[in-house]
């Protein structure tokens, strides 16, 4: 009865669903599922009981000076328990062992409930989040490192931590700050590669970057960023900017900077993003440079839009898009990885109602979704450092960009979620934009596809699936790093990438036959793009009669909050 009342209230707009991703309902289903399968529940209870008894016995032995191993193995990648006190002090050792046993019990209940795959995945994510939230490292008295710091600082760390906590409650929706953004300024040490705004409409600004070489390749490059967060992940900081790298390697580079939507853009559609966005930017680049071809570099969702636009143009015989570079992007959404937990039909339906009332999806909800995918790294790590240790968050350009979140127009984002994540229309040949049916098989351009081995937003195997749907030559590259660090990947000693001249059907087969190289894929891309960039010519003018310079980069839209 209560649930029906909530649904009725939602329908008339009285309240938002407090459980948009349906995690609470999935956990409730898991509890009921365990009750319906008592044998599985009894087995789980027996196992955790045995582990807790074993923990008690080991604790006694360790208090007597014996180094007896406990029943719960420690994941060497788990950085929460690196302080030696967790190993040397019997009481803390017992706390750690008991926590790990109970965490395993909680996660096992999702499997024991025998739920459908969607509910099971949600229950696992929710229970894992709760278990991580209740880790002893998140509380002062059960975190030996925090207690040591309190003693060493004479209690100042505790006072500073309380101050940080209060500030986050008041100014950051109760979530710990991930970054100190004060040292960073867009246009000074972020998005700083010299450029000019040469076009502006209601949706985008087009930036043209100033040449840094005496001659440039004849075919220009257009960067198509995602409109989730600001464009300058592709122009992060001097020495860490992919766009700067491309300019310094003799390319004429343009980039799209999307406007941060508000309620007035509620009815903006995916068609608008194609026609007024990437489509218009192509027109601008061709008009200014006089080139009949434009190479496009698409990142994440901007990569998906690049492929959609290329298919849209190909359906009309328009071949202006030459070579395409896809960075951590996918067109086949059959296996979206952890993000699929938030994009099932029921969750999308609830999200659609919420967006319809506001006119947009708030950027904080998007960032919260991504944080939930890696809570220990993106949430509780900062609970410990900021609130328990009393430390200030780090000043880091990647995190500063990540905190510069954007909103999503309601109509466009609803269409994107349903068409791609829920129904996967593009690869099925069922996606229609701006009145045309799009077919990936129409594309014959050379493709350079980069995926990151630790990407939790676009799994590398899903990125590799693009090779199954296109007709042109493909160079697939697997890089070190994750979704962002795999792109912001200047040459450095820790970087590596893998290549192969073949693209077999199975991604595992590709990896088995690929060669691993030290360094960054940027070097490999520089060679590939130069071979397809045309002859070297004098740089084109900056702007033109139809596209006069409107101001210096990075423009106005990147600063909209």
Protein backbone atom coordinates (compact mmCIF):
# COMPACT_ATOMS: atom_id res chain seq x y z
CA UNK A 1 0.00 0.00 0.00
CA UNK A 2 2.79 2.41 0.93
CA UNK A 3 4.63 1.72 -2.32
CA UNK A 4 1.48 2.46 -4.33
CA UNK A 5 1.06 5.72 -2.44
CA UNK A 6 4.64 6.69 -3.26
CA UNK A 7 4.08 5.87 -6.91
CA UNK A 8 0.93 8.00 -6.96
CA UNK A 9 2.75 10.91 -5.34
CA UNK A 10 5.54 10.62 -7.89
CA UNK A 11 3.04 10.58 -10.75
CA UNK A 12 1.62 13.96 -9.76
CA UNK A 13 5.04 15.39 -8.93
CA UNK A 14 4.72 15.68 -5.15
CA UNK A 15 8.00 13.90 -4.47
CA UNK A 16 11.01 12.49 -6.24
CA UNK A 17 11.66 8.80 -5.95
CA UNK A 18 14.29 8.61 -3.20
CA UNK A 19 15.58 5.36 -4.68
CA UNK A 20 16.08 6.26 -8.33
CA UNK A 21 18.39 3.33 -9.05
CA UNK A 22 16.08 0.92 -7.17
CA UNK A 23 18.88 -0.20 -4.87
CA UNK A 24 16.71 -0.32 -1.76
CA UNK A 25 14.15 -2.48 -3.48
CA UNK A 26 16.87 -4.79 -4.77
CA UNK A 27 18.27 -5.23 -1.25
CA UNK A 28 14.77 -5.94 0.08
CA UNK A 29 14.33 -8.52 -2.68
CA UNK A 30 17.64 -10.10 -1.68
CA UNK A 31 16.52 -10.42 1.94
CA UNK A 32 13.22 -11.99 0.90
CA UNK A 33 15.05 -14.19 -1.60
CA UNK A 34 17.30 -15.61 1.10
CA UNK A 35 14.22 -16.31 3.19
CA UNK A 36 12.69 -18.20 0.24
CA UNK A 37 15.83 -20.30 -0.10
CA UNK A 38 16.56 -21.29 3.51
CA UNK A 39 19.18 -23.88 2.58
CA UNK A 40 21.36 -21.23 0.92
CA UNK A 41 20.78 -18.86 3.83
CA UNK A 42 21.70 -21.52 6.36
CA UNK A 43 24.84 -22.35 4.42
CA UNK A 44 25.86 -18.70 4.40
CA UNK A 45 25.15 -18.32 8.13
CA UNK A 46 27.10 -21.46 8.97
CA UNK A 47 30.07 -20.26 6.96
CA UNK A 48 30.19 -16.80 8.52
CA UNK A 49 29.74 -18.35 11.96
CA UNK A 50 32.72 -20.62 11.35
CA UNK A 51 34.78 -17.67 10.16
CA UNK A 52 33.91 -15.59 13.23
CA UNK A 53 34.78 -18.48 15.55
CA UNK A 54 38.03 -18.93 13.67
CA UNK A 55 38.69 -15.21 14.09
CA UNK A 56 38.19 -15.47 17.84
CA UNK A 57 40.62 -18.40 18.11
CA UNK A 58 43.24 -16.66 15.98
CA UNK A 59 42.89 -13.51 18.10
CA UNK A 60 43.63 -15.49 21.25
CA UNK A 61 46.68 -17.05 19.63
CA UNK A 62 47.98 -13.69 18.45
CA UNK A 63 47.51 -12.21 21.90
CA UNK A 64 49.84 -14.97 23.09
CA UNK A 65 52.45 -14.00 20.51
CA UNK A 66 51.65 -16.61 17.85
CA UNK A 67 51.42 -15.41 14.21
CA UNK A 68 48.46 -17.59 13.29
CA UNK A 69 46.80 -16.71 9.95
CA UNK A 70 43.14 -15.81 10.08
CA UNK A 71 40.30 -17.37 8.09
CA UNK A 72 39.83 -14.31 5.85
CA UNK A 73 42.46 -13.60 3.21
CA UNK A 74 43.46 -9.98 2.66
CA UNK A 75 43.24 -8.59 -0.85
CA UNK A 76 46.70 -7.11 -1.54
CA UNK A 77 45.00 -4.38 -3.63
CA UNK A 78 42.88 -3.22 -0.66
CA UNK A 79 44.73 -0.13 0.56
CA UNK A 80 42.43 0.46 3.53
CA UNK A 81 44.31 -1.91 5.81
CA UNK A 82 47.93 -1.07 5.03
CA UNK A 83 48.74 0.33 8.48
CA UNK A 84 50.86 -2.32 10.31
CA UNK A 85 48.59 -2.07 13.37
CA UNK A 86 45.98 -4.13 11.52
CA UNK A 87 48.47 -6.99 11.48
CA UNK A 88 50.39 -6.45 14.72
CA UNK A 89 47.60 -5.60 17.19
CA UNK A 90 45.37 -8.62 18.01
CA UNK A 91 42.28 -6.45 18.66
CA UNK A 92 42.53 -4.62 15.36
CA UNK A 93 43.37 -7.86 13.59
CA UNK A 94 40.11 -9.32 14.98
CA UNK A 95 38.14 -6.26 13.87
CA UNK A 96 39.51 -6.56 10.35
CA UNK A 97 38.84 -10.31 10.15
CA UNK A 98 35.29 -9.93 11.47
CA UNK A 99 34.56 -7.11 9.06
CA UNK A 100 35.79 -9.07 6.06
CA UNK A 101 33.73 -12.11 7.09
CA UNK A 102 30.55 -10.06 7.51
CA UNK A 103 31.21 -8.22 4.24
CA UNK A 104 31.49 -11.54 2.44
CA UNK A 105 28.28 -12.70 4.13
CA UNK A 106 26.40 -9.59 2.95
CA UNK A 107 27.61 -9.94 -0.65
CA UNK A 108 26.88 -13.67 -0.62
CA UNK A 109 23.25 -13.00 0.25
CA UNK A 110 22.71 -11.34 -3.13
CA UNK A 111 23.83 -14.54 -4.84
CA UNK A 112 21.97 -16.82 -2.44
CA UNK A 113 18.69 -14.96 -3.10
CA UNK A 114 18.69 -16.23 -6.70
CA UNK A 115 17.30 -12.97 -8.11
CA UNK A 116 16.97 -12.07 -11.76
CA UNK A 117 20.25 -10.70 -13.23
CA UNK A 118 19.26 -7.02 -13.03
CA UNK A 119 18.06 -7.19 -9.42
CA UNK A 120 21.04 -9.35 -8.42
CA UNK A 121 23.46 -6.83 -9.90
CA UNK A 122 21.73 -3.94 -8.10
CA UNK A 123 21.63 -5.82 -4.82
CA UNK A 124 25.33 -6.62 -5.10
CA UNK A 125 26.26 -2.98 -5.81
CA UNK A 126 24.06 -1.69 -2.96
CA UNK A 127 25.31 -4.25 -0.44
CA UNK A 128 28.89 -3.65 -1.47
CA UNK A 129 28.40 0.09 -1.00
CA UNK A 130 26.87 -0.43 2.46
CA UNK A 131 29.62 -2.83 3.44
CA UNK A 132 32.28 -0.38 2.30
CA UNK A 133 30.54 2.45 4.15
CA UNK A 134 30.60 0.44 7.39
CA UNK A 135 34.27 -0.48 7.08
CA UNK A 136 36.12 0.09 10.37
CA UNK A 137 38.57 2.36 8.56
CA UNK A 138 35.75 4.92 8.17
CA UNK A 139 35.45 5.53 11.92
CA UNK A 140 37.95 7.27 14.15
CA UNK A 141 38.12 4.74 17.01
CA UNK A 142 38.58 1.79 14.66
CA UNK A 143 41.10 3.43 12.35
CA UNK A 144 44.56 3.11 13.90
CA UNK A 145 46.17 5.43 11.36
CA UNK A 146 43.68 8.20 12.22
CA UNK A 147 44.22 7.68 15.95
CA UNK A 148 47.99 7.91 15.49
CA UNK A 149 47.60 11.15 13.55
CA UNK A 150 45.33 12.57 16.27
CA UNK A 151 47.99 11.74 18.89
CA UNK A 152 50.82 13.13 16.77
CA UNK A 153 48.99 16.42 16.10
CA UNK A 154 47.73 16.89 19.62
CA UNK A 155 44.12 16.54 18.42
CA UNK A 156 44.39 19.16 15.69
CA UNK A 157 43.63 16.57 13.01
CA UNK A 158 40.32 15.77 14.72
CA UNK A 159 39.35 19.44 14.85
CA UNK A 160 40.33 19.93 11.21
CA UNK A 161 38.39 16.82 10.25
CA UNK A 162 35.26 18.08 11.99
CA UNK A 163 35.67 21.41 10.19
CA UNK A 164 36.00 19.61 6.84
CA UNK A 165 32.94 17.50 7.64
CA UNK A 166 30.83 20.54 8.54
CA UNK A 167 31.95 22.36 5.40
CA UNK A 168 31.04 19.37 3.22
CA UNK A 169 27.62 19.08 4.85
CA UNK A 170 26.93 22.75 4.20
CA UNK A 171 28.48 23.13 0.75
CA UNK A 172 28.91 19.70 -0.89
CA UNK A 173 25.67 17.83 -0.16
CA UNK A 174 27.33 15.96 2.68
CA UNK A 175 29.89 14.26 0.42
CA UNK A 176 33.62 14.65 1.08
CA UNK A 177 35.41 16.98 -1.30
CA UNK A 178 37.62 15.08 -3.72
CA UNK A 179 39.78 17.96 -4.84
CA UNK A 180 41.00 21.43 -4.01
CA UNK A 181 40.06 23.40 -7.13
CA UNK A 182 41.41 26.75 -5.97
CA UNK A 183 44.82 26.44 -7.71
CA UNK A 184 43.15 25.83 -11.06
CA UNK A 185 41.63 28.32 -13.47
CA UNK A 186 40.11 27.54 -16.84
CA UNK A 187 42.08 29.40 -19.48
CA UNK A 188 45.18 29.74 -17.31
CA UNK A 189 46.33 26.25 -16.28
CA UNK A 190 43.34 24.26 -17.52
CA UNK A 191 42.08 24.46 -21.12
CA UNK A 192 45.10 26.65 -21.77
CA UNK A 193 46.23 25.74 -25.29
CA UNK A 194 45.90 29.04 -27.25
CA UNK A 195 42.67 29.13 -29.26
CA UNK A 196 39.92 31.40 -30.55
CA UNK A 197 36.15 31.05 -30.56
CA UNK A 198 35.12 31.06 -34.22
CA UNK A 199 31.46 30.03 -33.92
CA UNK A 200 28.73 30.11 -31.32
CA UNK A 201 25.11 28.94 -31.43
CA UNK A 202 22.61 28.02 -28.71
CA UNK A 203 24.28 24.65 -28.15
CA UNK A 204 28.01 24.87 -28.91
CA UNK A 205 31.03 27.04 -29.32
CA UNK A 206 33.67 25.98 -31.84
CA UNK A 207 37.27 26.63 -30.85
CA UNK A 208 40.09 26.90 -33.38
CA UNK A 209 43.55 26.31 -31.93
CA UNK A 210 46.42 28.52 -33.02
CA UNK A 211 49.16 26.74 -35.00
CA UNK A 212 52.43 25.95 -33.24
CA UNK A 213 54.35 24.68 -36.29
CA UNK A 214 55.37 26.49 -39.48
CA UNK A 215 53.35 24.07 -41.60
CA UNK A 216 50.39 21.81 -40.84
CA UNK A 217 48.76 18.76 -42.31
CA UNK A 218 46.23 19.67 -44.97
CA UNK A 219 43.32 17.78 -43.37
CA UNK A 220 42.15 19.40 -40.11
CA UNK A 221 41.06 17.61 -36.95
CA UNK A 222 37.81 18.23 -35.08
CA UNK A 223 37.61 17.05 -31.46
CA UNK A 224 34.17 15.76 -30.41
CA UNK A 225 34.08 15.62 -26.60
CA UNK A 226 31.28 14.23 -24.44
CA UNK A 227 28.80 16.73 -23.05
CA UNK A 228 29.01 14.98 -19.69
CA UNK A 229 31.55 17.26 -17.96
CA UNK A 230 33.36 20.04 -19.80
CA UNK A 231 35.25 19.57 -23.07
CA UNK A 232 38.69 20.36 -21.69
CA UNK A 233 39.49 16.81 -20.63
CA UNK A 234 40.93 16.81 -24.16
CA UNK A 235 42.91 19.98 -23.36
CA UNK A 236 43.56 19.40 -19.68
CA UNK A 237 46.80 21.18 -18.83
CA UNK A 238 50.09 22.12 -20.49
CA UNK A 239 52.06 18.93 -21.03
CA UNK A 240 48.96 16.82 -20.32
CA UNK A 241 46.76 18.01 -23.17
CA UNK A 242 45.93 15.74 -26.10
CA UNK A 243 44.91 18.77 -28.15
CA UNK A 244 48.20 20.51 -27.41
CA UNK A 245 50.00 17.31 -28.47
CA UNK A 246 48.10 17.23 -31.77
CA UNK A 247 48.79 20.93 -32.47
CA UNK A 248 52.48 20.49 -31.71
CA UNK A 249 52.58 17.56 -34.15
CA UNK A 250 51.48 19.70 -37.05
CA UNK A 251 47.69 19.42 -37.02
CA UNK A 252 45.11 22.16 -37.39
CA UNK A 253 42.75 21.39 -34.51
CA UNK A 254 39.21 22.51 -33.73
CA UNK A 255 37.10 21.49 -30.73
CA UNK A 256 33.48 21.65 -29.67
CA UNK A 257 32.61 23.22 -26.31
CA UNK A 258 29.01 22.45 -25.29
CA UNK A 259 26.79 24.82 -23.41
CA UNK A 260 25.84 23.67 -19.90
CA UNK A 261 22.09 23.07 -20.22
CA UNK A 262 19.46 24.58 -17.97
CA UNK A 263 15.66 24.29 -17.79
CA UNK A 264 15.23 26.29 -21.00
CA UNK A 265 16.89 23.42 -22.91
CA UNK A 266 14.53 20.73 -21.57
CA UNK A 267 13.20 19.96 -25.06
CA UNK A 268 16.60 19.86 -26.77
CA UNK A 269 16.84 16.57 -28.63
CA UNK A 270 19.53 14.18 -29.80
CA UNK A 271 18.74 15.46 -33.30
CA UNK A 272 19.78 18.93 -32.13
CA UNK A 273 23.09 17.58 -30.81
CA UNK A 274 23.73 16.01 -34.21
CA UNK A 275 22.65 18.93 -36.42
CA UNK A 276 23.49 21.98 -34.29
CA UNK A 277 26.38 20.25 -32.57
CA UNK A 278 28.83 18.08 -34.48
CA UNK A 279 27.14 18.69 -37.84
CA UNK A 280 27.46 22.46 -37.52
CA UNK A 281 31.03 22.19 -36.27
CA UNK A 282 31.93 20.20 -39.40
CA UNK A 283 30.50 22.98 -41.55
CA UNK A 284 32.56 25.56 -39.67
CA UNK A 285 35.80 23.61 -40.03
CA UNK A 286 35.29 23.04 -43.75
CA UNK A 287 34.39 26.70 -44.35
CA UNK A 288 37.46 28.04 -42.51
CA UNK A 289 40.05 25.57 -43.82
CA UNK A 290 38.61 24.91 -47.28
CA UNK A 291 39.28 21.22 -46.72
CA UNK A 292 36.94 18.65 -48.26
CA UNK A 293 37.78 16.22 -45.45
CA UNK A 294 37.84 16.51 -41.67
CA UNK A 295 39.31 13.93 -39.30
CA UNK A 296 37.23 13.58 -36.13
CA UNK A 297 38.47 12.54 -32.69
CA UNK A 298 35.55 11.45 -30.49
CA UNK A 299 35.79 10.78 -26.77
CA UNK A 300 33.32 8.61 -24.82
CA UNK A 301 29.78 9.81 -25.66
CA UNK A 302 31.36 12.23 -28.14
CA UNK A 303 32.73 9.15 -29.89
CA UNK A 304 29.28 7.60 -30.13
CA UNK A 305 27.97 10.89 -31.55
CA UNK A 306 30.87 10.92 -34.02
CA UNK A 307 29.84 7.51 -35.32
CA UNK A 308 26.17 8.51 -35.46
CA UNK A 309 27.01 11.67 -37.38
CA UNK A 310 29.26 9.78 -39.77
CA UNK A 311 26.48 7.26 -40.43
CA UNK A 312 23.97 10.11 -40.85
CA UNK A 313 26.17 11.83 -43.43
CA UNK A 314 27.01 8.56 -45.20
CA UNK A 315 23.30 7.88 -45.72
CA UNK A 316 23.18 11.05 -47.84
CA UNK A 317 26.45 10.41 -49.67
CA UNK A 318 28.31 13.06 -47.65
CA UNK A 319 31.88 11.84 -47.09
CA UNK A 320 33.38 14.88 -45.35
CA UNK A 321 34.34 12.85 -42.29
CA UNK A 322 37.65 11.21 -43.12
CA UNK A 323 39.57 9.19 -40.57
CA UNK A 324 37.94 8.69 -37.14
CA UNK A 325 39.64 8.29 -33.78
CA UNK A 326 37.52 6.85 -30.96
CA UNK A 327 38.75 7.27 -27.40
CA UNK A 328 37.12 5.06 -24.75
CA UNK A 329 33.87 5.02 -26.71
CA UNK A 330 31.37 2.31 -27.56
CA UNK A 331 28.57 1.91 -30.07
CA UNK A 332 27.46 -1.56 -28.93
CA UNK A 333 25.84 -1.21 -25.50
CA UNK A 334 25.05 -4.90 -25.02
CA UNK A 335 27.72 -5.16 -22.29
CA UNK A 336 27.97 -1.71 -20.69
CA UNK A 337 29.80 -2.95 -17.61
CA UNK A 338 29.06 -1.54 -14.14
CA UNK A 339 27.14 1.39 -15.62
CA UNK A 340 24.47 -1.10 -16.69
CA UNK A 341 23.41 -1.22 -13.03
CA UNK A 342 22.00 2.30 -13.47
CA UNK A 343 20.56 1.95 -16.97
CA UNK A 344 18.01 -0.86 -16.80
CA UNK A 345 14.46 -0.08 -18.08
CA UNK A 346 12.92 0.45 -14.62
CA UNK A 347 15.63 2.83 -13.48
CA UNK A 348 15.53 4.78 -16.73
CA UNK A 349 11.73 5.13 -16.41
CA UNK A 350 12.10 6.65 -12.94
CA UNK A 351 14.89 8.92 -14.15
CA UNK A 352 12.74 10.10 -17.05
CA UNK A 353 10.02 11.25 -14.65
CA UNK A 354 12.54 13.05 -12.49
CA UNK A 355 14.12 14.80 -15.50
CA UNK A 356 10.72 15.74 -16.91
CA UNK A 357 9.91 17.65 -13.72
CA UNK A 358 13.24 19.50 -13.59
CA UNK A 359 13.92 19.80 -17.29
CA UNK A 360 17.39 18.34 -16.88
CA UNK A 361 19.48 15.80 -15.01
CA UNK A 362 21.64 17.57 -12.47
CA UNK A 363 25.38 17.15 -12.75
CA UNK A 364 25.66 16.07 -9.11
CA UNK A 365 23.51 13.04 -9.88
CA UNK A 366 25.80 12.05 -12.73
CA UNK A 367 28.90 12.41 -10.58
CA UNK A 368 27.19 10.48 -7.79
CA UNK A 369 26.50 7.63 -10.21
CA UNK A 370 30.13 7.43 -11.26
CA UNK A 371 31.29 7.62 -7.63
CA UNK A 372 29.04 4.67 -6.75
CA UNK A 373 30.93 2.54 -9.27
CA UNK A 374 34.17 2.92 -7.26
CA UNK A 375 33.09 4.01 -3.76
CA UNK A 376 36.29 3.14 -1.92
CA UNK A 377 38.42 5.20 -4.30
CA UNK A 378 35.99 8.07 -4.94
CA UNK A 379 34.09 8.41 -1.65
CA UNK A 380 35.43 6.63 1.41
CA UNK A 381 39.06 7.33 0.62
CA UNK A 382 38.19 11.00 1.17
CA UNK A 383 36.07 10.26 4.25
CA UNK A 384 39.26 8.94 5.84
CA UNK A 385 41.70 11.57 4.58
CA UNK A 386 39.44 14.63 4.93
CA UNK A 387 37.23 13.82 7.92
CA UNK A 388 39.32 11.46 10.05
CA UNK A 389 42.85 12.61 9.22
CA UNK A 390 41.89 16.29 8.93
CA UNK A 391 43.76 16.68 5.65
CA UNK A 392 42.83 19.02 2.84
CA UNK A 393 41.80 17.36 -0.44
CA UNK A 394 44.54 17.23 -3.09
CA UNK A 395 44.98 19.78 -5.85
CA UNK A 396 44.87 17.58 -8.95
CA UNK A 397 43.92 18.70 -12.46
CA UNK A 398 42.03 15.50 -13.36
CA UNK A 399 39.87 15.74 -10.25
CA UNK A 400 39.35 19.47 -10.78
CA UNK A 401 37.97 18.72 -14.24
CA UNK A 402 35.85 15.87 -12.88
CA UNK A 403 34.26 18.21 -10.34
CA UNK A 404 33.33 20.65 -13.11
CA UNK A 405 30.13 18.74 -13.84
CA UNK A 406 27.35 19.59 -16.29
CA UNK A 407 23.63 18.98 -16.60
CA UNK A 408 21.85 16.86 -19.22
CA UNK A 409 18.77 18.11 -21.13
CA UNK A 410 15.79 15.96 -20.17
CA UNK A 411 14.54 15.00 -23.62
CA UNK A 412 17.95 14.32 -25.12
CA UNK A 413 19.25 12.32 -22.18
CA UNK A 414 16.10 10.20 -21.94
CA UNK A 415 16.38 9.38 -25.63
CA UNK A 416 20.08 8.54 -25.31
CA UNK A 417 19.54 6.19 -22.36
CA UNK A 418 16.68 4.34 -24.03
CA UNK A 419 18.08 4.22 -27.55
CA UNK A 420 21.55 3.13 -26.49
CA UNK A 421 21.62 1.45 -23.07
CA UNK A 422 18.12 -0.01 -22.95
CA UNK A 423 17.40 -0.89 -26.60
CA UNK A 424 20.88 -0.80 -28.22
CA UNK A 425 19.37 0.46 -31.47
CA UNK A 426 22.49 1.72 -33.22
CA UNK A 427 24.17 -1.62 -33.87
CA UNK A 428 20.79 -3.14 -34.74
CA UNK A 429 20.31 -0.59 -37.54
CA UNK A 430 17.17 0.73 -35.80
CA UNK A 431 18.41 4.14 -34.63
CA UNK A 432 16.86 7.11 -36.41
CA UNK A 433 18.13 10.67 -36.01
CA UNK A 434 16.98 13.79 -37.84
CA UNK A 435 14.76 11.71 -40.11
CA UNK A 436 17.38 9.19 -41.24
CA UNK A 437 17.98 5.57 -40.30
CA UNK A 438 21.61 5.07 -39.30
CA UNK A 439 23.68 2.06 -40.38
CA UNK A 440 27.17 1.45 -39.07
CA UNK A 441 27.86 -0.75 -42.08
CA UNK A 442 27.83 2.38 -44.26
CA UNK A 443 31.08 3.54 -42.65
CA UNK A 444 34.30 2.77 -44.49
CA UNK A 445 36.62 5.41 -42.98
CA UNK A 446 39.87 4.34 -41.32
CA UNK A 447 39.32 3.98 -37.56
CA UNK A 448 41.80 4.32 -34.74
CA UNK A 449 40.14 2.93 -31.60
CA UNK A 450 41.67 3.40 -28.15
CA UNK A 451 40.38 1.54 -25.10
CA UNK A 452 41.74 1.53 -21.55
CA UNK A 453 42.32 -1.73 -19.74
CA UNK A 454 40.86 -0.49 -16.42
CA UNK A 455 37.96 1.52 -17.86
CA UNK A 456 34.85 1.02 -15.68
CA UNK A 457 32.67 3.31 -17.82
CA UNK A 458 33.40 1.83 -21.26
CA UNK A 459 34.78 -1.70 -20.79
CA UNK A 460 37.55 -2.29 -23.30
CA UNK A 461 35.88 -5.40 -24.71
CA UNK A 462 32.73 -3.37 -25.44
CA UNK A 463 34.87 -0.78 -27.17
CA UNK A 464 36.49 -3.55 -29.20
CA UNK A 465 33.03 -4.69 -30.37
CA UNK A 466 32.96 -1.65 -32.69
CA UNK A 467 35.31 -3.56 -35.00
CA UNK A 468 32.46 -5.98 -35.80
CA UNK A 469 30.20 -3.33 -37.34
CA UNK A 470 32.32 -1.16 -39.63
CA UNK A 471 33.69 -1.82 -43.08
CA UNK A 472 36.87 0.25 -43.09
CA UNK A 473 40.36 -0.56 -41.80
CA UNK A 474 40.65 -0.50 -38.00
CA UNK A 475 43.64 -0.10 -35.72
CA UNK A 476 42.66 -1.10 -32.18
CA UNK A 477 44.88 -0.01 -29.30
CA UNK A 478 44.60 -1.13 -25.68
CA UNK A 479 46.11 1.37 -23.26
CA UNK A 480 47.09 1.42 -19.63
CA UNK A 481 44.93 3.49 -17.29
CA UNK A 482 41.20 3.92 -16.84
CA UNK A 483 38.43 5.92 -18.47
CA UNK A 484 40.15 9.27 -17.93
CA UNK A 485 43.80 8.42 -17.28
CA UNK A 486 43.72 6.30 -20.42
CA UNK A 487 43.06 9.48 -22.43
CA UNK A 488 45.19 11.93 -20.45
CA UNK A 489 48.17 9.76 -21.24
CA UNK A 490 51.24 11.80 -22.23
CA UNK A 491 54.45 9.85 -22.73
CA UNK A 492 55.68 8.68 -19.33
CA UNK A 493 57.66 5.73 -17.93
CA UNK A 494 54.60 4.02 -16.40
CA UNK A 495 52.46 4.05 -19.55
CA UNK A 496 52.08 1.14 -21.97
CA UNK A 497 49.87 0.20 -24.88
CA UNK A 498 49.14 -2.86 -26.99
CA UNK A 499 48.66 -3.08 -30.77
CA UNK A 500 48.06 -5.68 -33.42
CA UNK A 501 47.67 -5.61 -37.19
CA UNK A 502 44.70 -7.98 -36.91
CA UNK A 503 41.20 -7.55 -35.49
CA UNK A 504 39.84 -11.07 -34.87
CA UNK A 505 36.25 -11.50 -33.74
CA UNK A 506 37.03 -12.19 -30.08
CA UNK A 507 38.71 -9.47 -27.98
CA UNK A 508 40.57 -12.11 -25.93
CA UNK A 509 42.05 -13.48 -29.15
CA UNK A 510 43.14 -9.96 -30.14
CA UNK A 511 44.85 -9.43 -26.77
CA UNK A 512 46.60 -12.81 -26.94
CA UNK A 513 48.15 -11.85 -30.28
CA UNK A 514 48.85 -8.17 -29.54
CA UNK A 515 52.27 -6.69 -28.88
CA UNK A 516 52.88 -4.63 -25.76
CA UNK A 517 54.85 -1.40 -26.09
CA UNK A 518 56.28 0.89 -23.40
CA UNK A 519 55.09 4.47 -23.54
CA UNK A 520 51.89 6.23 -24.57
CA UNK A 521 49.48 5.53 -27.38
CA UNK A 522 49.84 9.26 -28.19
CA UNK A 523 53.10 8.42 -29.97
CA UNK A 524 51.46 5.66 -32.00
CA UNK A 525 48.50 7.90 -32.87
CA UNK A 526 50.85 10.69 -33.99
CA UNK A 527 52.29 8.38 -36.65
CA UNK A 528 48.88 7.01 -37.70
CA UNK A 529 47.27 10.46 -37.96
CA UNK A 530 50.23 11.94 -39.83
CA UNK A 531 50.00 9.22 -42.48
CA UNK A 532 46.37 10.21 -43.11
CA UNK A 533 46.70 13.96 -42.64
CA UNK A 534 47.55 14.91 -46.19
CA UNK A 535 50.47 17.00 -47.39
CA UNK A 536 52.06 19.76 -45.32
CA UNK A 537 50.72 23.25 -46.09
CA UNK A 538 50.71 26.72 -44.59
CA UNK A 539 48.29 27.04 -41.63
CA UNK A 540 44.77 28.18 -42.57
CA UNK A 541 43.46 31.53 -41.34
CA UNK A 542 41.98 31.73 -37.86
CA UNK A 543 38.28 32.29 -38.46
CA UNK A 544 37.00 33.79 -41.68
CA UNK A 545 34.41 36.01 -43.31
CA UNK A 546 31.55 33.73 -42.31
CA UNK A 547 33.05 32.80 -38.96
CA UNK A 548 34.71 35.82 -37.44
CA UNK A 549 36.66 35.46 -34.23
CA UNK A 550 34.28 36.00 -31.30
CA UNK A 551 36.87 35.97 -28.56
CA UNK A 552 39.76 34.09 -27.05
CA UNK A 553 39.49 30.46 -26.03
CA UNK A 554 38.36 28.65 -24.03
CA UNK A 555 35.25 30.73 -24.61
CA UNK A 556 32.12 31.43 -22.59
CA UNK A 557 30.27 28.11 -22.50
CA UNK A 558 33.01 26.31 -20.57
CA UNK A 559 32.49 28.77 -17.71
CA UNK A 560 28.72 28.34 -17.46
CA UNK A 561 27.64 26.79 -14.15
